[in-house]
Amino acid sequence: MLPVAYRLHKETEIKSLIRQGQTFFLPEFIIKYQKTKEKPSKIAFVVSTKVDKKAVARNRIKRQMREAIKDLLPDIKDGYSILVIARKKALELDFATITKQFKFALAKIGVYAGK
């Protein structure tokens, strides 16, 4: 689980991010992000039933995404809202590849300050 301070959970914040945020596309994920004044960056994850009808598969992807981001949290810059939306291809990825994809995407959009 992500620490509460890092969770983006208010419906108004998520809808605002979807409407006004910038988008970065990967074959496996869509990442919506927006600069905010929040001190720690906040992150949310979405896996729709279009990805897989089975809740077990959707929850597994969400757990893997949360854990991958949790490892990267110390190196994520403050002041961003991030929404990660999984696509069907995300089901084929293992944990190491998910972490690698997140590092690449976050570095590309300028949110990740790590190596």
Protein backbone atom coordinates (compact mmCIF):
# COMPACT_ATOMS: atom_id res chain seq x y z
CA MET A 1 0.00 0.00 0.00
CA LEU A 2 1.08 3.53 -0.66
CA PRO A 3 1.42 5.80 2.37
CA VAL A 4 -1.70 7.96 2.80
CA ALA A 5 0.23 11.19 2.13
CA TYR A 6 1.03 9.98 -1.41
CA ARG A 7 -2.47 8.84 -2.40
CA LEU A 8 -4.56 10.81 -4.84
CA HIS A 9 -8.05 9.81 -3.78
CA LYS A 10 -10.37 12.82 -3.98
CA GLU A 11 -12.76 12.50 -6.89
CA THR A 12 -12.52 16.22 -7.68
CA GLU A 13 -8.72 16.04 -7.90
CA ILE A 14 -8.83 13.01 -10.19
CA LYS A 15 -11.45 14.54 -12.50
CA SER A 16 -9.48 17.78 -12.66
CA LEU A 17 -6.34 15.83 -13.52
CA ILE A 18 -8.13 13.92 -16.29
CA ARG A 19 -9.52 17.15 -17.79
CA GLN A 20 -6.53 19.47 -17.45
CA GLY A 21 -3.50 17.23 -17.04
CA GLN A 22 -0.91 16.36 -19.62
CA THR A 23 -0.70 12.83 -20.98
CA PHE A 24 2.22 10.47 -21.59
CA PHE A 25 1.50 7.26 -23.51
CA LEU A 26 3.23 3.91 -23.22
CA PRO A 27 2.00 0.68 -24.84
CA GLU A 28 1.14 -0.68 -21.38
CA PHE A 29 0.15 2.49 -19.48
CA ILE A 30 -1.30 5.96 -19.88
CA ILE A 31 0.13 8.46 -17.42
CA LYS A 32 -1.77 11.69 -16.73
CA TYR A 33 0.14 14.29 -14.74
CA GLN A 34 -0.24 17.87 -13.62
CA LYS A 35 1.87 20.31 -11.63
CA THR A 36 0.24 21.20 -8.30
CA LYS A 37 1.13 22.94 -5.07
CA GLU A 38 0.86 19.77 -2.98
CA LYS A 39 4.05 19.03 -1.06
CA PRO A 40 4.38 15.30 -1.63
CA SER A 41 3.38 14.20 -5.10
CA LYS A 42 0.11 12.27 -5.13
CA ILE A 43 -0.49 9.17 -7.22
CA ALA A 44 -3.58 7.14 -8.20
CA PHE A 45 -4.01 3.95 -10.23
CA VAL A 46 -6.84 2.86 -12.53
CA VAL A 47 -7.41 -0.57 -14.06
CA SER A 48 -10.74 -0.78 -15.86
CA THR A 49 -12.79 -3.83 -16.71
CA LYS A 50 -11.70 -3.35 -20.33
CA VAL A 51 -8.26 -4.58 -19.28
CA ASP A 52 -9.66 -7.80 -17.84
CA LYS A 53 -13.10 -8.84 -16.66
CA LYS A 54 -11.67 -10.76 -13.70
CA ALA A 55 -11.16 -8.71 -10.54
CA VAL A 56 -8.27 -10.99 -9.55
CA ALA A 57 -6.25 -9.92 -12.61
CA ARG A 58 -7.10 -6.23 -12.18
CA ASN A 59 -6.18 -6.25 -8.51
CA ARG A 60 -2.90 -8.04 -9.25
CA ILE A 61 -1.90 -5.31 -11.72
CA LYS A 62 -2.84 -2.60 -9.23
CA ARG A 63 -0.77 -4.25 -6.49
CA GLN A 64 2.24 -4.51 -8.79
CA MET A 65 1.91 -0.89 -9.92
CA ARG A 66 1.62 0.36 -6.32
CA GLU A 67 4.66 -1.61 -5.24
CA ALA A 68 6.72 -0.40 -8.21
CA ILE A 69 5.86 3.23 -7.47
CA LYS A 70 6.50 2.73 -3.75
CA ASP A 71 10.10 1.82 -4.57
CA LEU A 72 10.44 5.01 -6.64
CA LEU A 73 8.74 7.42 -4.17
CA PRO A 74 11.94 8.86 -2.63
CA ASP A 75 13.10 10.01 -6.08
CA ILE A 76 9.78 11.50 -7.30
CA LYS A 77 9.78 15.30 -7.22
CA ASP A 78 7.24 17.10 -5.03
CA GLY A 79 4.33 19.06 -6.45
CA TYR A 80 2.74 16.69 -8.97
CA SER A 81 -0.52 14.77 -9.29
CA ILE A 82 -0.08 11.54 -11.25
CA LEU A 83 -2.72 9.12 -12.54
CA VAL A 84 -1.56 5.79 -13.96
CA ILE A 85 -4.08 4.00 -16.19
CA ALA A 86 -3.29 0.41 -17.13
CA ARG A 87 -3.90 -0.97 -20.61
CA LYS A 88 -4.42 -4.58 -21.71
CA LYS A 89 -0.71 -5.09 -22.45
CA ALA A 90 0.08 -4.45 -18.77
CA LEU A 91 -1.19 -7.96 -17.97
CA GLU A 92 1.82 -9.44 -19.78
CA LEU A 93 4.44 -7.55 -17.76
CA ASP A 94 6.38 -8.83 -14.80
CA PHE A 95 7.23 -6.65 -11.79
CA ALA A 96 10.75 -5.72 -12.94
CA THR A 97 9.46 -4.54 -16.31
CA ILE A 98 6.71 -2.46 -14.68
CA THR A 99 9.29 -0.74 -12.48
CA LYS A 100 11.51 -0.12 -15.51
CA GLN A 101 8.60 1.33 -17.50
CA PHE A 102 7.65 3.66 -14.63
CA LYS A 103 11.24 4.88 -14.26
CA PHE A 104 11.41 5.59 -17.99
CA ALA A 105 8.05 7.36 -18.15
CA LEU A 106 8.53 9.45 -15.00
CA ALA A 107 12.02 10.49 -16.12
CA LYS A 108 10.69 11.41 -19.55
CA ILE A 109 8.00 13.71 -18.12
CA GLY A 110 10.46 15.26 -15.65
CA VAL A 111 9.00 13.93 -12.42
CA TYR A 112 11.64 11.32 -11.56
CA ALA A 113 14.94 12.64 -10.20
CA GLY A 114 16.62 9.26 -9.63
CA LYS A 115 19.13 7.26 -11.62
